[in-house]
Protein backbone atom coordinates (compact mmCIF):
# COMPACT_ATOMS: atom_id res chain seq x y z
CA MET A 1 115.02 118.75 111.42
CA GLU A 2 115.82 115.99 113.84
CA SER A 3 115.09 112.20 113.75
CA ILE A 4 114.65 109.87 116.11
CA THR A 5 115.93 106.65 115.52
CA GLY A 6 116.50 103.51 117.10
CA LYS A 7 112.97 102.06 119.45
CA PRO A 8 112.07 104.71 122.64
CA ASP A 9 109.29 103.50 124.63
CA LEU A 10 106.58 105.83 123.96
CA SER A 11 107.34 108.08 127.11
CA THR A 12 110.68 108.75 125.99
CA LEU A 13 109.09 109.66 122.57
CA GLY A 14 106.64 111.67 124.02
CA ILE A 15 109.29 113.76 125.94
CA ARG A 16 111.49 114.49 123.24
CA ILE A 17 108.74 115.25 121.12
CA SER A 18 107.58 117.87 123.41
CA GLU A 19 111.12 119.27 124.46
CA ARG A 20 111.84 119.73 120.31
CA LEU A 21 108.23 121.46 120.13
CA SER A 22 108.94 123.73 122.78
CA VAL A 23 112.00 125.37 120.74
CA LEU A 24 110.69 124.74 117.51
CA CYS A 25 107.28 127.06 118.63
CA SER A 26 109.59 129.79 119.18
CA VAL A 27 110.02 130.09 114.92
CA GLU A 28 107.88 131.80 112.56
CA SER A 29 106.99 128.64 110.45
CA PRO A 30 104.63 126.22 112.36
CA PRO A 31 106.50 122.47 113.22
CA ILE A 32 105.47 119.63 111.73
CA VAL A 33 106.58 116.05 113.48
CA CYS A 34 106.19 113.09 110.99
CA PHE A 35 105.33 109.65 111.94
CA GLN A 36 107.25 108.11 109.05
CA SER A 37 105.41 104.38 110.04
CA LEU A 38 102.88 103.77 112.52
CA THR A 39 104.32 100.24 112.61
CA ASP A 40 107.11 101.19 114.62
CA LEU A 41 104.70 103.03 117.58
CA LEU A 42 102.62 99.61 117.00
CA ASP A 43 106.00 97.84 117.77
CA LEU A 44 106.22 99.49 121.11
CA ALA A 45 102.79 99.21 122.35
CA ASN A 46 99.61 97.87 122.13
CA CYS A 47 96.96 99.54 119.77
CA GLU A 48 95.01 100.79 122.93
CA ARG A 49 98.14 102.49 124.16
CA VAL A 50 99.65 104.10 120.77
CA PHE A 51 95.41 105.73 120.80
CA ARG A 52 96.28 107.37 123.82
CA PHE A 53 99.92 108.19 123.12
CA LEU A 54 98.51 109.96 120.03
CA HIS A 55 95.58 111.06 120.97
CA LEU A 56 97.51 113.39 123.81
CA LEU A 57 100.09 113.98 121.19
CA MET A 58 97.40 115.58 118.47
CA HIS A 59 96.13 117.65 121.26
CA GLN A 60 99.69 118.76 122.19
CA LEU A 61 100.48 119.82 118.69
CA SER A 62 97.28 121.43 117.93
CA GLU A 63 97.43 123.83 120.82
CA ALA A 64 100.97 124.42 119.62
CA GLY A 65 100.11 125.21 116.18
CA ALA A 66 102.01 122.61 114.89
CA TYR A 67 100.89 119.83 112.19
CA ALA A 68 101.19 116.23 112.49
CA HIS A 69 102.24 114.12 109.26
CA VAL A 70 101.43 110.18 109.71
CA HIS A 71 102.25 107.24 107.16
CA PHE A 72 99.30 104.68 107.81
CA ASP A 73 99.65 101.88 105.17
CA PRO A 74 96.33 100.37 105.92
CA ARG A 75 97.49 97.17 104.33
CA ASP A 76 99.95 96.74 107.49
CA TYR A 77 96.69 96.64 109.93
CA ASP A 78 93.75 94.85 110.69
CA GLU A 79 90.48 96.54 110.23
CA ARG A 80 90.41 97.15 114.20
CA THR A 81 93.44 98.93 114.17
CA ILE A 82 92.22 101.11 111.19
CA ARG A 83 89.46 101.84 112.86
CA THR A 84 90.58 102.40 116.11
CA LEU A 85 93.39 104.92 115.05
CA SER A 86 92.02 106.73 112.07
CA PRO A 87 89.74 109.53 113.97
CA LEU A 88 92.70 110.95 115.09
CA PHE A 89 93.48 112.21 111.82
CA ASP A 90 92.20 115.67 110.49
CA VAL A 91 92.54 114.56 106.80
CA THR A 92 93.02 110.98 105.78
CA LEU A 93 94.94 111.01 101.82
CA ASP A 94 94.31 107.24 99.49
CA THR A 95 97.56 107.52 97.64
CA ARG A 96 96.78 104.43 95.59
CA THR A 97 93.93 107.16 94.32
CA THR A 98 95.39 110.22 91.84
CA SER A 99 92.16 111.57 91.21
CA ALA A 100 91.44 114.75 93.58
CA GLU A 101 87.67 113.89 93.03
CA ALA A 102 88.28 110.33 94.40
CA TYR A 103 89.79 112.01 97.57
CA ALA A 104 87.09 114.52 97.95
CA GLU A 105 84.47 111.80 97.66
CA SER A 106 86.29 109.96 100.27
CA ASN A 107 86.09 112.94 103.09
């Protein structure tokens, strides 16, 4: 496990993830990239740039057989940001619900 601390720019972040991904793809289990908060990315750039960054990154992770785990609290974002970024993710889970039925109904 490797954490990226501080606030690197999106290009540096993308390069570091790509370098680490190429190493991790040589192991048997698929790598997982976790973004503990999209707020950190949105502090680095505007929503459109973050969308483009994540769109490319999600494609790269998919091609490598890797997974992304992204923490995205809708209370932290305006509706436009939520509508812009949500389609990037295959599955969303509202952790405020505890029922699997509520989760299934929302997808």
